[in-house]
Amino acid sequence: MKMYYDDDVDAEVVADKTIAVIGYGSQGRGQSRNMADSGLNVIVGLREGGSSWQKAVDDGMNVKTIEEAAEAADIIHILLPDETQEKVYKEQIAPYVEAGNTISFSHGYNIHFG
């Protein structure tokens, strides 16, 4: 296993980017807070009124609807359950993706296995 630390990363390449983390479960919460604590511009995209909305607000995150986050972001990091990713992407994210945006996942089970 290779461990990476702050000194291993050049955060300047994303310092001027807006990163939308879609989802605020165990991965979304940890990753969005870590990036925000590192000084990056992070938006958390959630269902308005969903169970994670208030938790993200209480954590001090910049919370928007999924559509608003996708529209504002340069990098869209999708951290939703595999079974919901396709529908959310097609209906709430894809309409806002522009040339030059980056879509990323922390795991790609549904991408790999269709």
PDB file of N, CA and C in Angstrom:
ATOM      1  N   MET A   1       0.838  -1.162   0.000  1.00  0.00           N
ATOM      2  CA  MET A   1       0.000   0.000   0.000  1.00  0.00           C
ATOM      3  C   MET A   1       0.890   1.234   0.000  1.00  0.00           C
ATOM      4  N   LYS A   2       0.504   2.227  -0.776  1.00  0.00           N
ATOM      5  CA  LYS A   2       1.212   3.505  -0.834  1.00  0.00           C
ATOM      6  C   LYS A   2       0.382   4.541  -0.093  1.00  0.00           C
ATOM      7  N   MET A   3       0.973   5.170   0.893  1.00  0.00           N
ATOM      8  CA  MET A   3       0.312   6.228   1.651  1.00  0.00           C
ATOM      9  C   MET A   3       0.689   7.582   1.036  1.00  0.00           C
ATOM     10  N   TYR A   4      -0.285   8.461   0.895  1.00  0.00           N
ATOM     11  CA  TYR A   4      -0.043   9.797   0.378  1.00  0.00           C
ATOM     12  C   TYR A   4      -0.298  10.821   1.478  1.00  0.00           C
ATOM     13  N   TYR A   5       0.519  11.852   1.504  1.00  0.00           N
ATOM     14  CA  TYR A   5       0.433  12.895   2.509  1.00  0.00           C
ATOM     15  C   TYR A   5       0.343  14.249   1.821  1.00  0.00           C
ATOM     16  N   ASP A   6       0.073  15.299   2.578  1.00  0.00           N
ATOM     17  CA  ASP A   6      -0.081  16.634   2.007  1.00  0.00           C
ATOM     18  C   ASP A   6       1.081  17.023   1.097  1.00  0.00           C
ATOM     19  N   ASP A   7       2.298  16.699   1.507  1.00  0.00           N
ATOM     20  CA  ASP A   7       3.466  17.080   0.713  1.00  0.00           C
ATOM     21  C   ASP A   7       3.565  16.322  -0.616  1.00  0.00           C
ATOM     22  N   ASP A   8       2.789  15.255  -0.772  1.00  0.00           N
ATOM     23  CA  ASP A   8       2.798  14.478  -2.008  1.00  0.00           C
ATOM     24  C   ASP A   8       1.876  15.066  -3.073  1.00  0.00           C
ATOM     25  N   VAL A   9       1.124  16.081  -2.720  1.00  0.00           N
ATOM     26  CA  VAL A   9       0.085  16.606  -3.597  1.00  0.00           C
ATOM     27  C   VAL A   9       0.327  18.085  -3.875  1.00  0.00           C
ATOM     28  N   ASP A  10       0.133  18.486  -5.117  1.00  0.00           N
ATOM     29  CA  ASP A  10       0.186  19.897  -5.479  1.00  0.00           C
ATOM     30  C   ASP A  10      -1.246  20.400  -5.632  1.00  0.00           C
ATOM     31  N   ALA A  11      -1.805  20.907  -4.558  1.00  0.00           N
ATOM     32  CA  ALA A  11      -3.198  21.364  -4.559  1.00  0.00           C
ATOM     33  C   ALA A  11      -3.403  22.609  -5.416  1.00  0.00           C
ATOM     34  N   GLU A  12      -2.329  23.239  -5.849  1.00  0.00           N
ATOM     35  CA  GLU A  12      -2.451  24.431  -6.690  1.00  0.00           C
ATOM     36  C   GLU A  12      -3.171  24.143  -8.000  1.00  0.00           C
ATOM     37  N   VAL A  13      -3.106  22.912  -8.487  1.00  0.00           N
ATOM     38  CA  VAL A  13      -3.753  22.583  -9.759  1.00  0.00           C
ATOM     39  C   VAL A  13      -5.279  22.661  -9.651  1.00  0.00           C
ATOM     40  N   VAL A  14      -5.823  22.606  -8.456  1.00  0.00           N
ATOM     41  CA  VAL A  14      -7.274  22.724  -8.270  1.00  0.00           C
ATOM     42  C   VAL A  14      -7.652  23.905  -7.378  1.00  0.00           C
ATOM     43  N   ALA A  15      -6.676  24.739  -7.026  1.00  0.00           N
ATOM     44  CA  ALA A  15      -6.926  25.849  -6.104  1.00  0.00           C
ATOM     45  C   ALA A  15      -7.957  26.838  -6.634  1.00  0.00           C
ATOM     46  N   ASP A  16      -8.027  27.010  -7.938  1.00  0.00           N
ATOM     47  CA  ASP A  16      -8.973  27.961  -8.520  1.00  0.00           C
ATOM     48  C   ASP A  16     -10.229  27.288  -9.060  1.00  0.00           C
ATOM     49  N   LYS A  17     -10.416  26.024  -8.740  1.00  0.00           N
ATOM     50  CA  LYS A  17     -11.570  25.259  -9.220  1.00  0.00           C
ATOM     51  C   LYS A  17     -12.641  25.155  -8.142  1.00  0.00           C
ATOM     52  N   THR A  18     -13.868  24.984  -8.571  1.00  0.00           N
ATOM     53  CA  THR A  18     -14.967  24.691  -7.661  1.00  0.00           C
ATOM     54  C   THR A  18     -15.244  23.201  -7.750  1.00  0.00           C
ATOM     55  N   ILE A  19     -15.247  22.554  -6.602  1.00  0.00           N
ATOM     56  CA  ILE A  19     -15.434  21.105  -6.536  1.00  0.00           C
ATOM     57  C   ILE A  19     -16.791  20.819  -5.904  1.00  0.00           C
ATOM     58  N   ALA A  20     -17.652  20.145  -6.642  1.00  0.00           N
ATOM     59  CA  ALA A  20     -18.949  19.728  -6.096  1.00  0.00           C
ATOM     60  C   ALA A  20     -18.840  18.271  -5.681  1.00  0.00           C
ATOM     61  N   VAL A  21     -19.097  18.010  -4.420  1.00  0.00           N
ATOM     62  CA  VAL A  21     -19.179  16.639  -3.927  1.00  0.00           C
ATOM     63  C   VAL A  21     -20.653  16.313  -3.853  1.00  0.00           C
ATOM     64  N   ILE A  22     -21.078  15.345  -4.633  1.00  0.00           N
ATOM     65  CA  ILE A  22     -22.485  14.973  -4.684  1.00  0.00           C
ATOM     66  C   ILE A  22     -22.691  13.780  -3.755  1.00  0.00           C
ATOM     67  N   GLY A  23     -23.371  14.039  -2.658  1.00  0.00           N
ATOM     68  CA  GLY A  23     -23.597  13.026  -1.637  1.00  0.00           C
ATOM     69  C   GLY A  23     -22.850  13.374  -0.366  1.00  0.00           C
ATOM     70  N   TYR A  24     -23.423  13.001   0.764  1.00  0.00           N
ATOM     71  CA  TYR A  24     -22.814  13.339   2.055  1.00  0.00           C
ATOM     72  C   TYR A  24     -22.933  12.175   3.031  1.00  0.00           C
ATOM     73  N   GLY A  25     -22.738  10.970   2.482  1.00  0.00           N
ATOM     74  CA  GLY A  25     -22.669   9.789   3.336  1.00  0.00           C
ATOM     75  C   GLY A  25     -21.274   9.683   3.916  1.00  0.00           C
ATOM     76  N   SER A  26     -20.862   8.496   4.267  1.00  0.00           N
ATOM     77  CA  SER A  26     -19.556   8.326   4.918  1.00  0.00           C
ATOM     78  C   SER A  26     -18.408   8.838   4.042  1.00  0.00           C
ATOM     79  N   GLN A  27     -18.429   8.556   2.750  1.00  0.00           N
ATOM     80  CA  GLN A  27     -17.358   9.050   1.881  1.00  0.00           C
ATOM     81  C   GLN A  27     -17.518  10.531   1.561  1.00  0.00           C
ATOM     82  N   GLY A  28     -18.720  10.947   1.216  1.00  0.00           N
ATOM     83  CA  GLY A  28     -18.945  12.340   0.851  1.00  0.00           C
ATOM     84  C   GLY A  28     -18.639  13.300   1.981  1.00  0.00           C
ATOM     85  N   ARG A  29     -19.058  12.935   3.172  1.00  0.00           N
ATOM     86  CA  ARG A  29     -18.811  13.806   4.328  1.00  0.00           C
ATOM     87  C   ARG A  29     -17.313  13.928   4.588  1.00  0.00           C
ATOM     88  N   GLY A  30     -16.633  12.804   4.654  1.00  0.00           N
ATOM     89  CA  GLY A  30     -15.203  12.835   4.937  1.00  0.00           C
ATOM     90  C   GLY A  30     -14.398  13.538   3.861  1.00  0.00           C
ATOM     91  N   GLN A  31     -14.687  13.223   2.609  1.00  0.00           N
ATOM     92  CA  GLN A  31     -13.900  13.805   1.527  1.00  0.00           C
ATOM     93  C   GLN A  31     -14.174  15.294   1.348  1.00  0.00           C
ATOM     94  N   SER A  32     -15.433  15.707   1.450  1.00  0.00           N
ATOM     95  CA  SER A  32     -15.726  17.130   1.267  1.00  0.00           C
ATOM     96  C   SER A  32     -15.132  17.959   2.400  1.00  0.00           C
ATOM     97  N   ARG A  33     -15.216  17.457   3.623  1.00  0.00           N
ATOM     98  CA  ARG A  33     -14.643  18.197   4.762  1.00  0.00           C
ATOM     99  C   ARG A  33     -13.121  18.246   4.660  1.00  0.00           C
ATOM    100  N   ASN A  34     -12.511  17.162   4.231  1.00  0.00           N
ATOM    101  CA  ASN A  34     -11.064  17.133   4.078  1.00  0.00           C
ATOM    102  C   ASN A  34     -10.614  18.170   3.051  1.00  0.00           C
ATOM    103  N   MET A  35     -11.303  18.207   1.889  1.00  0.00           N
ATOM    104  CA  MET A  35     -10.927  19.178   0.856  1.00  0.00           C
ATOM    105  C   MET A  35     -11.166  20.606   1.332  1.00  0.00           C
ATOM    106  N   ALA A  36     -12.291  20.842   2.005  1.00  0.00           N
ATOM    107  CA  ALA A  36     -12.576  22.185   2.520  1.00  0.00           C
ATOM    108  C   ALA A  36     -11.535  22.592   3.562  1.00  0.00           C
ATOM    109  N   ASP A  37     -11.182  21.671   4.449  1.00  0.00           N
ATOM    110  CA  ASP A  37     -10.153  21.955   5.457  1.00  0.00           C
ATOM    111  C   ASP A  37      -8.800  22.245   4.820  1.00  0.00           C
ATOM    112  N   SER A  38      -8.580  21.731   3.618  1.00  0.00           N
ATOM    113  CA  SER A  38      -7.333  21.973   2.886  1.00  0.00           C
ATOM    114  C   SER A  38      -7.377  23.272   2.100  1.00  0.00           C
ATOM    115  N   GLY A  39      -8.472  24.013   2.224  1.00  0.00           N
ATOM    116  CA  GLY A  39      -8.577  25.317   1.583  1.00  0.00           C
ATOM    117  C   GLY A  39      -9.177  25.311   0.195  1.00  0.00           C
ATOM    118  N   LEU A  40      -9.716  24.180  -0.241  1.00  0.00           N
ATOM    119  CA  LEU A  40     -10.320  24.125  -1.573  1.00  0.00           C
ATOM    120  C   LEU A  40     -11.763  24.615  -1.523  1.00  0.00           C
ATOM    121  N   ASN A  41     -12.254  25.064  -2.670  1.00  0.00           N
ATOM    122  CA  ASN A  41     -13.611  25.584  -2.786  1.00  0.00           C
ATOM    123  C   ASN A  41     -14.565  24.417  -3.043  1.00  0.00           C
ATOM    124  N   VAL A  42     -15.265  23.993  -2.011  1.00  0.00           N
ATOM    125  CA  VAL A  42     -16.111  22.807  -2.075  1.00  0.00           C
ATOM    126  C   VAL A  42     -17.579  23.182  -1.894  1.00  0.00           C
ATOM    127  N   ILE A  43     -18.416  22.612  -2.746  1.00  0.00           N
ATOM    128  CA  ILE A  43     -19.872  22.685  -2.623  1.00  0.00           C
ATOM    129  C   ILE A  43     -20.353  21.261  -2.408  1.00  0.00           C
ATOM    130  N   VAL A  44     -21.289  21.084  -1.488  1.00  0.00           N
ATOM    131  CA  VAL A  44     -21.902  19.772  -1.311  1.00  0.00           C
ATOM    132  C   VAL A  44     -23.256  19.812  -1.998  1.00  0.00           C
ATOM    133  N   GLY A  45     -23.478  18.903  -2.940  1.00  0.00           N
ATOM    134  CA  GLY A  45     -24.740  18.823  -3.667  1.00  0.00           C
ATOM    135  C   GLY A  45     -25.622  17.736  -3.078  1.00  0.00           C
ATOM    136  N   LEU A  46     -26.820  18.133  -2.642  1.00  0.00           N
ATOM    137  CA  LEU A  46     -27.733  17.196  -1.980  1.00  0.00           C
ATOM    138  C   LEU A  46     -29.171  17.449  -2.410  1.00  0.00           C
ATOM    139  N   ARG A  47     -30.020  16.462  -2.083  1.00  0.00           N
ATOM    140  CA  ARG A  47     -31.460  16.667  -2.265  1.00  0.00           C
ATOM    141  C   ARG A  47     -31.914  17.659  -1.196  1.00  0.00           C
ATOM    142  N   GLU A  48     -32.564  18.724  -1.637  1.00  0.00           N
ATOM    143  CA  GLU A  48     -33.048  19.712  -0.676  1.00  0.00           C
ATOM    144  C   GLU A  48     -34.024  19.046   0.292  1.00  0.00           C
ATOM    145  N   GLY A  49     -33.766  19.218   1.565  1.00  0.00           N
ATOM    146  CA  GLY A  49     -34.610  18.597   2.581  1.00  0.00           C
ATOM    147  C   GLY A  49     -34.259  17.149   2.863  1.00  0.00           C
ATOM    148  N   GLY A  50     -33.246  16.605   2.166  1.00  0.00           N
ATOM    149  CA  GLY A  50     -32.832  15.228   2.396  1.00  0.00           C
ATOM    150  C   GLY A  50     -32.205  15.067   3.774  1.00  0.00           C
ATOM    151  N   SER A  51     -31.988  13.835   4.160  1.00  0.00           N
ATOM    152  CA  SER A  51     -31.516  13.548   5.516  1.00  0.00           C
ATOM    153  C   SER A  51     -30.123  14.096   5.805  1.00  0.00           C
ATOM    154  N   SER A  52     -29.314  14.339   4.795  1.00  0.00           N
ATOM    155  CA  SER A  52     -27.951  14.832   5.024  1.00  0.00           C
ATOM    156  C   SER A  52     -27.834  16.350   4.952  1.00  0.00           C
ATOM    157  N   TRP A  53     -28.862  17.009   4.456  1.00  0.00           N
ATOM    158  CA  TRP A  53     -28.787  18.455   4.230  1.00  0.00           C
ATOM    159  C   TRP A  53     -28.395  19.205   5.505  1.00  0.00           C
ATOM    160  N   GLN A  54     -29.130  19.006   6.589  1.00  0.00           N
ATOM    161  CA  GLN A  54     -28.862  19.746   7.820  1.00  0.00           C
ATOM    162  C   GLN A  54     -27.512  19.368   8.418  1.00  0.00           C
ATOM    163  N   LYS A  55     -27.121  18.104   8.281  1.00  0.00           N
ATOM    164  CA  LYS A  55     -25.812  17.667   8.792  1.00  0.00           C
ATOM    165  C   LYS A  55     -24.694  18.433   8.089  1.00  0.00           C
ATOM    166  N   ALA A  56     -24.798  18.579   6.773  1.00  0.00           N
ATOM    167  CA  ALA A  56     -23.786  19.306   6.016  1.00  0.00           C
ATOM    168  C   ALA A  56     -23.774  20.783   6.399  1.00  0.00           C
ATOM    169  N   VAL A  57     -24.948  21.371   6.573  1.00  0.00           N
ATOM    170  CA  VAL A  57     -25.035  22.770   7.020  1.00  0.00           C
ATOM    171  C   VAL A  57     -24.388  22.913   8.394  1.00  0.00           C
ATOM    172  N   ASP A  58     -24.729  22.002   9.306  1.00  0.00           N
ATOM    173  CA  ASP A  58     -24.168  22.050  10.656  1.00  0.00           C
ATOM    174  C   ASP A  58     -22.652  21.886  10.652  1.00  0.00           C
ATOM    175  N   ASP A  59     -22.130  21.163   9.665  1.00  0.00           N
ATOM    176  CA  ASP A  59     -20.683  20.982   9.534  1.00  0.00           C
ATOM    177  C   ASP A  59     -20.000  22.198   8.915  1.00  0.00           C
ATOM    178  N   GLY A  60     -20.794  23.203   8.520  1.00  0.00           N
ATOM    179  CA  GLY A  60     -20.235  24.415   7.944  1.00  0.00           C
ATOM    180  C   GLY A  60     -19.962  24.344   6.460  1.00  0.00           C
ATOM    181  N   MET A  61     -20.528  23.347   5.801  1.00  0.00           N
ATOM    182  CA  MET A  61     -20.301  23.191   4.370  1.00  0.00           C
ATOM    183  C   MET A  61     -21.204  24.138   3.573  1.00  0.00           C
ATOM    184  N   ASN A  62     -20.777  24.443   2.357  1.00  0.00           N
ATOM    185  CA  ASN A  62     -21.567  25.214   1.404  1.00  0.00           C
ATOM    186  C   ASN A  62     -22.493  24.212   0.714  1.00  0.00           C
ATOM    187  N   VAL A  63     -23.771  24.231   1.048  1.00  0.00           N
ATOM    188  CA  VAL A  63     -24.712  23.213   0.570  1.00  0.00           C
ATOM    189  C   VAL A  63     -25.647  23.809  -0.466  1.00  0.00           C
ATOM    190  N   LYS A  64     -25.801  23.092  -1.570  1.00  0.00           N
ATOM    191  CA  LYS A  64     -26.708  23.488  -2.646  1.00  0.00           C
ATOM    192  C   LYS A  64     -27.443  22.243  -3.133  1.00  0.00           C
ATOM    193  N   THR A  65     -28.452  22.458  -3.944  1.00  0.00           N
ATOM    194  CA  THR A  65     -29.095  21.306  -4.574  1.00  0.00           C
ATOM    195  C   THR A  65     -28.089  20.651  -5.516  1.00  0.00           C
ATOM    196  N   ILE A  66     -28.353  19.438  -5.909  1.00  0.00           N
ATOM    197  CA  ILE A  66     -27.458  18.732  -6.828  1.00  0.00           C
ATOM    198  C   ILE A  66     -27.315  19.523  -8.124  1.00  0.00           C
ATOM    199  N   GLU A  67     -28.421  20.022  -8.636  1.00  0.00           N
ATOM    200  CA  GLU A  67     -28.386  20.788  -9.890  1.00  0.00           C
ATOM    201  C   GLU A  67     -27.544  22.053  -9.739  1.00  0.00           C
ATOM    202  N   GLU A  68     -27.751  22.800  -8.660  1.00  0.00           N
ATOM    203  CA  GLU A  68     -26.984  24.030  -8.438  1.00  0.00           C
ATOM    204  C   GLU A  68     -25.493  23.737  -8.295  1.00  0.00           C
ATOM    205  N   ALA A  69     -25.179  22.676  -7.570  1.00  0.00           N
ATOM    206  CA  ALA A  69     -23.772  22.305  -7.382  1.00  0.00           C
ATOM    207  C   ALA A  69     -23.134  21.907  -8.705  1.00  0.00           C
ATOM    208  N   ALA A  70     -23.834  21.087  -9.490  1.00  0.00           N
ATOM    209  CA  ALA A  70     -23.297  20.646 -10.782  1.00  0.00           C
ATOM    210  C   ALA A  70     -23.086  21.826 -11.718  1.00  0.00           C
ATOM    211  N   GLU A  71     -24.002  22.748 -11.709  1.00  0.00           N
ATOM    212  CA  GLU A  71     -23.894  23.917 -12.595  1.00  0.00           C
ATOM    213  C   GLU A  71     -22.719  24.806 -12.210  1.00  0.00           C
ATOM    214  N   ALA A  72     -22.440  24.930 -10.915  1.00  0.00           N
ATOM    215  CA  ALA A  72     -21.380  25.822 -10.436  1.00  0.00           C
ATOM    216  C   ALA A  72     -19.992  25.198 -10.485  1.00  0.00           C
ATOM    217  N   ALA A  73     -19.908  23.884 -10.612  1.00  0.00           N
ATOM    218  CA  ALA A  73     -18.637  23.183 -10.415  1.00  0.00           C
ATOM    219  C   ALA A  73     -17.796  23.035 -11.669  1.00  0.00           C
ATOM    220  N   ASP A  74     -16.501  22.993 -11.437  1.00  0.00           N
ATOM    221  CA  ASP A  74     -15.536  22.601 -12.463  1.00  0.00           C
ATOM    222  C   ASP A  74     -15.279  21.099 -12.362  1.00  0.00           C
ATOM    223  N   ILE A  75     -15.282  20.601 -11.128  1.00  0.00           N
ATOM    224  CA  ILE A  75     -15.054  19.187 -10.849  1.00  0.00           C
ATOM    225  C   ILE A  75     -16.276  18.663 -10.107  1.00  0.00           C
ATOM    226  N   ILE A  76     -16.867  17.589 -10.606  1.00  0.00           N
ATOM    227  CA  ILE A  76     -18.050  16.995  -9.981  1.00  0.00           C
ATOM    228  C   ILE A  76     -17.656  15.611  -9.503  1.00  0.00           C
ATOM    229  N   HIS A  77     -17.619  15.461  -8.191  1.00  0.00           N
ATOM    230  CA  HIS A  77     -17.182  14.214  -7.567  1.00  0.00           C
ATOM    231  C   HIS A  77     -18.417  13.491  -7.039  1.00  0.00           C
ATOM    232  N   ILE A  78     -18.763  12.387  -7.655  1.00  0.00           N
ATOM    233  CA  ILE A  78     -20.010  11.685  -7.359  1.00  0.00           C
ATOM    234  C   ILE A  78     -19.777  10.610  -6.307  1.00  0.00           C
ATOM    235  N   LEU A  79     -20.408  10.794  -5.156  1.00  0.00           N
ATOM    236  CA  LEU A  79     -20.261   9.879  -4.028  1.00  0.00           C
ATOM    237  C   LEU A  79     -21.630   9.444  -3.533  1.00  0.00           C
ATOM    238  N   LEU A  80     -22.418   8.952  -4.454  1.00  0.00           N
ATOM    239  CA  LEU A  80     -23.755   8.450  -4.158  1.00  0.00           C
ATOM    240  C   LEU A  80     -23.740   6.929  -4.174  1.00  0.00           C
ATOM    241  N   PRO A  81     -24.748   6.294  -3.604  1.00  0.00           N
ATOM    242  CA  PRO A  81     -24.834   4.839  -3.712  1.00  0.00           C
ATOM    243  C   PRO A  81     -24.888   4.424  -5.184  1.00  0.00           C
ATOM    244  N   ASP A  82     -24.249   3.305  -5.493  1.00  0.00           N
ATOM    245  CA  ASP A  82     -24.188   2.828  -6.882  1.00  0.00           C
ATOM    246  C   ASP A  82     -25.553   2.769  -7.542  1.00  0.00           C
ATOM    247  N   GLU A  83     -26.550   2.325  -6.810  1.00  0.00           N
ATOM    248  CA  GLU A  83     -27.870   2.116  -7.414  1.00  0.00           C
ATOM    249  C   GLU A  83     -28.586   3.416  -7.778  1.00  0.00           C
ATOM    250  N   THR A  84     -28.107   4.561  -7.286  1.00  0.00           N
ATOM    251  CA  THR A  84     -28.756   5.832  -7.611  1.00  0.00           C
ATOM    252  C   THR A  84     -27.932   6.699  -8.558  1.00  0.00           C
ATOM    253  N   GLN A  85     -26.673   6.354  -8.761  1.00  0.00           N
ATOM    254  CA  GLN A  85     -25.792   7.224  -9.527  1.00  0.00           C
ATOM    255  C   GLN A  85     -26.271   7.486 -10.954  1.00  0.00           C
ATOM    256  N   GLU A  86     -26.696   6.465 -11.666  1.00  0.00           N
ATOM    257  CA  GLU A  86     -27.089   6.659 -13.066  1.00  0.00           C
ATOM    258  C   GLU A  86     -28.264   7.632 -13.188  1.00  0.00           C
ATOM    259  N   LYS A  87     -29.304   7.428 -12.404  1.00  0.00           N
ATOM    260  CA  LYS A  87     -30.487   8.284 -12.473  1.00  0.00           C
ATOM    261  C   LYS A  87     -30.151   9.729 -12.097  1.00  0.00           C
ATOM    262  N   VAL A  88     -29.428   9.899 -11.015  1.00  0.00           N
ATOM    263  CA  VAL A  88     -29.058  11.252 -10.581  1.00  0.00           C
ATOM    264  C   VAL A  88     -28.178  11.917 -11.629  1.00  0.00           C
ATOM    265  N   TYR A  89     -27.220  11.170 -12.171  1.00  0.00           N
ATOM    266  CA  TYR A  89     -26.357  11.750 -13.189  1.00  0.00           C
ATOM    267  C   TYR A  89     -27.174  12.221 -14.389  1.00  0.00           C
ATOM    268  N   LYS A  90     -28.003  11.337 -14.941  1.00  0.00           N
ATOM    269  CA  LYS A  90     -28.759  11.670 -16.143  1.00  0.00           C
ATOM    270  C   LYS A  90     -29.718  12.832 -15.934  1.00  0.00           C
ATOM    271  N   GLU A  91     -30.399  12.852 -14.790  1.00  0.00           N
ATOM    272  CA  GLU A  91     -31.458  13.836 -14.567  1.00  0.00           C
ATOM    273  C   GLU A  91     -30.983  15.131 -13.925  1.00  0.00           C
ATOM    274  N   GLN A  92     -29.954  15.072 -13.071  1.00  0.00           N
ATOM    275  CA  GLN A  92     -29.627  16.240 -12.263  1.00  0.00           C
ATOM    276  C   GLN A  92     -28.216  16.784 -12.480  1.00  0.00           C
ATOM    277  N   ILE A  93     -27.357  16.005 -13.087  1.00  0.00           N
ATOM    278  CA  ILE A  93     -25.975  16.460 -13.290  1.00  0.00           C
ATOM    279  C   ILE A  93     -25.677  16.707 -14.762  1.00  0.00           C
ATOM    280  N   ALA A  94     -25.964  15.730 -15.621  1.00  0.00           N
ATOM    281  CA  ALA A  94     -25.610  15.814 -17.043  1.00  0.00           C
ATOM    282  C   ALA A  94     -26.062  17.104 -17.727  1.00  0.00           C
ATOM    283  N   PRO A  95     -27.251  17.631 -17.428  1.00  0.00           N
ATOM    284  CA  PRO A  95     -27.655  18.868 -18.110  1.00  0.00           C
ATOM    285  C   PRO A  95     -26.729  20.058 -17.839  1.00  0.00           C
ATOM    286  N   TYR A  96     -25.886  19.968 -16.815  1.00  0.00           N
ATOM    287  CA  TYR A  96     -25.027  21.088 -16.427  1.00  0.00           C
ATOM    288  C   TYR A  96     -23.553  20.852 -16.720  1.00  0.00           C
ATOM    289  N   VAL A  97     -23.215  19.691 -17.259  1.00  0.00           N
ATOM    290  CA  VAL A  97     -21.823  19.391 -17.566  1.00  0.00           C
ATOM    291  C   VAL A  97     -21.423  20.157 -18.819  1.00  0.00           C
ATOM    292  N   GLU A  98     -20.269  20.824 -18.738  1.00  0.00           N
ATOM    293  CA  GLU A  98     -19.751  21.609 -19.854  1.00  0.00           C
ATOM    294  C   GLU A  98     -18.380  21.086 -20.250  1.00  0.00           C
ATOM    295  N   ALA A  99     -17.957  21.424 -21.449  1.00  0.00           N
ATOM    296  CA  ALA A  99     -16.610  21.072 -21.896  1.00  0.00           C
ATOM    297  C   ALA A  99     -15.608  21.604 -20.879  1.00  0.00           C
ATOM    298  N   GLY A 100     -14.664  20.762 -20.508  1.00  0.00           N
ATOM    299  CA  GLY A 100     -13.647  21.159 -19.539  1.00  0.00           C
ATOM    300  C   GLY A 100     -13.956  20.736 -18.118  1.00  0.00           C
ATOM    301  N   ASN A 101     -15.201  20.348 -17.835  1.00  0.00           N
ATOM    302  CA  ASN A 101     -15.533  19.831 -16.500  1.00  0.00           C
ATOM    303  C   ASN A 101     -14.895  18.463 -16.313  1.00  0.00           C
ATOM    304  N   THR A 102     -14.689  18.102 -15.072  1.00  0.00           N
ATOM    305  CA  THR A 102     -14.185  16.781 -14.719  1.00  0.00           C
ATOM    306  C   THR A 102     -15.238  16.080 -13.878  1.00  0.00           C
ATOM    307  N   ILE A 103     -15.530  14.828 -14.219  1.00  0.00           N
ATOM    308  CA  ILE A 103     -16.424  13.982 -13.425  1.00  0.00           C
ATOM    309  C   ILE A 103     -15.540  12.927 -12.784  1.00  0.00           C
ATOM    310  N   SER A 104     -15.694  12.754 -11.474  1.00  0.00           N
ATOM    311  CA  SER A 104     -14.878  11.744 -10.801  1.00  0.00           C
ATOM    312  C   SER A 104     -15.726  10.947  -9.818  1.00  0.00           C
ATOM    313  N   PHE A 105     -15.201   9.794  -9.465  1.00  0.00           N
ATOM    314  CA  PHE A 105     -15.850   8.861  -8.541  1.00  0.00           C
ATOM    315  C   PHE A 105     -14.776   8.330  -7.601  1.00  0.00           C
ATOM    316  N   SER A 106     -15.144   7.965  -6.391  1.00  0.00           N
ATOM    317  CA  SER A 106     -14.191   7.310  -5.495  1.00  0.00           C
ATOM    318  C   SER A 106     -14.216   5.814  -5.704  1.00  0.00           C
ATOM    319  N   HIS A 107     -15.256   5.335  -6.306  1.00  0.00           N
ATOM    320  CA  HIS A 107     -15.338   3.936  -6.687  1.00  0.00           C
ATOM    321  C   HIS A 107     -16.174   3.890  -7.949  1.00  0.00           C
ATOM    322  N   GLY A 108     -15.924   2.920  -8.787  1.00  0.00           N
ATOM    323  CA  GLY A 108     -16.621   2.874 -10.066  1.00  0.00           C
ATOM    324  C   GLY A 108     -17.286   1.542 -10.341  1.00  0.00           C
ATOM    325  N   TYR A 109     -17.796   0.916  -9.308  1.00  0.00           N
ATOM    326  CA  TYR A 109     -18.426  -0.393  -9.474  1.00  0.00           C
ATOM    327  C   TYR A 109     -19.490  -0.348 -10.564  1.00  0.00           C
ATOM    328  N   ASN A 110     -20.401   0.607 -10.479  1.00  0.00           N
ATOM    329  CA  ASN A 110     -21.480   0.630 -11.477  1.00  0.00           C
ATOM    330  C   ASN A 110     -20.985   1.037 -12.858  1.00  0.00           C
ATOM    331  N   ILE A 111     -19.915   1.811 -12.928  1.00  0.00           N
ATOM    332  CA  ILE A 111     -19.334   2.184 -14.215  1.00  0.00           C
ATOM    333  C   ILE A 111     -18.690   0.943 -14.851  1.00  0.00           C
ATOM    334  N   HIS A 112     -17.898   0.253 -14.069  1.00  0.00           N
ATOM    335  CA  HIS A 112     -17.183  -0.922 -14.580  1.00  0.00           C
ATOM    336  C   HIS A 112     -18.144  -2.062 -14.966  1.00  0.00           C
ATOM    337  N   PHE A 113     -19.130  -2.300 -14.131  1.00  0.00           N
ATOM    338  CA  PHE A 113     -20.018  -3.440 -14.359  1.00  0.00           C
ATOM    339  C   PHE A 113     -21.333  -3.076 -15.056  1.00  0.00           C
ATOM    340  N   GLY A 114     -21.485  -1.794 -15.405  1.00  0.00           N
ATOM    341  CA  GLY A 114     -22.666  -1.374 -16.139  1.00  0.00           C
ATOM    342  C   GLY A 114     -23.911  -1.428 -15.305  1.00  0.00           C
TER     343      GLY A 114
END
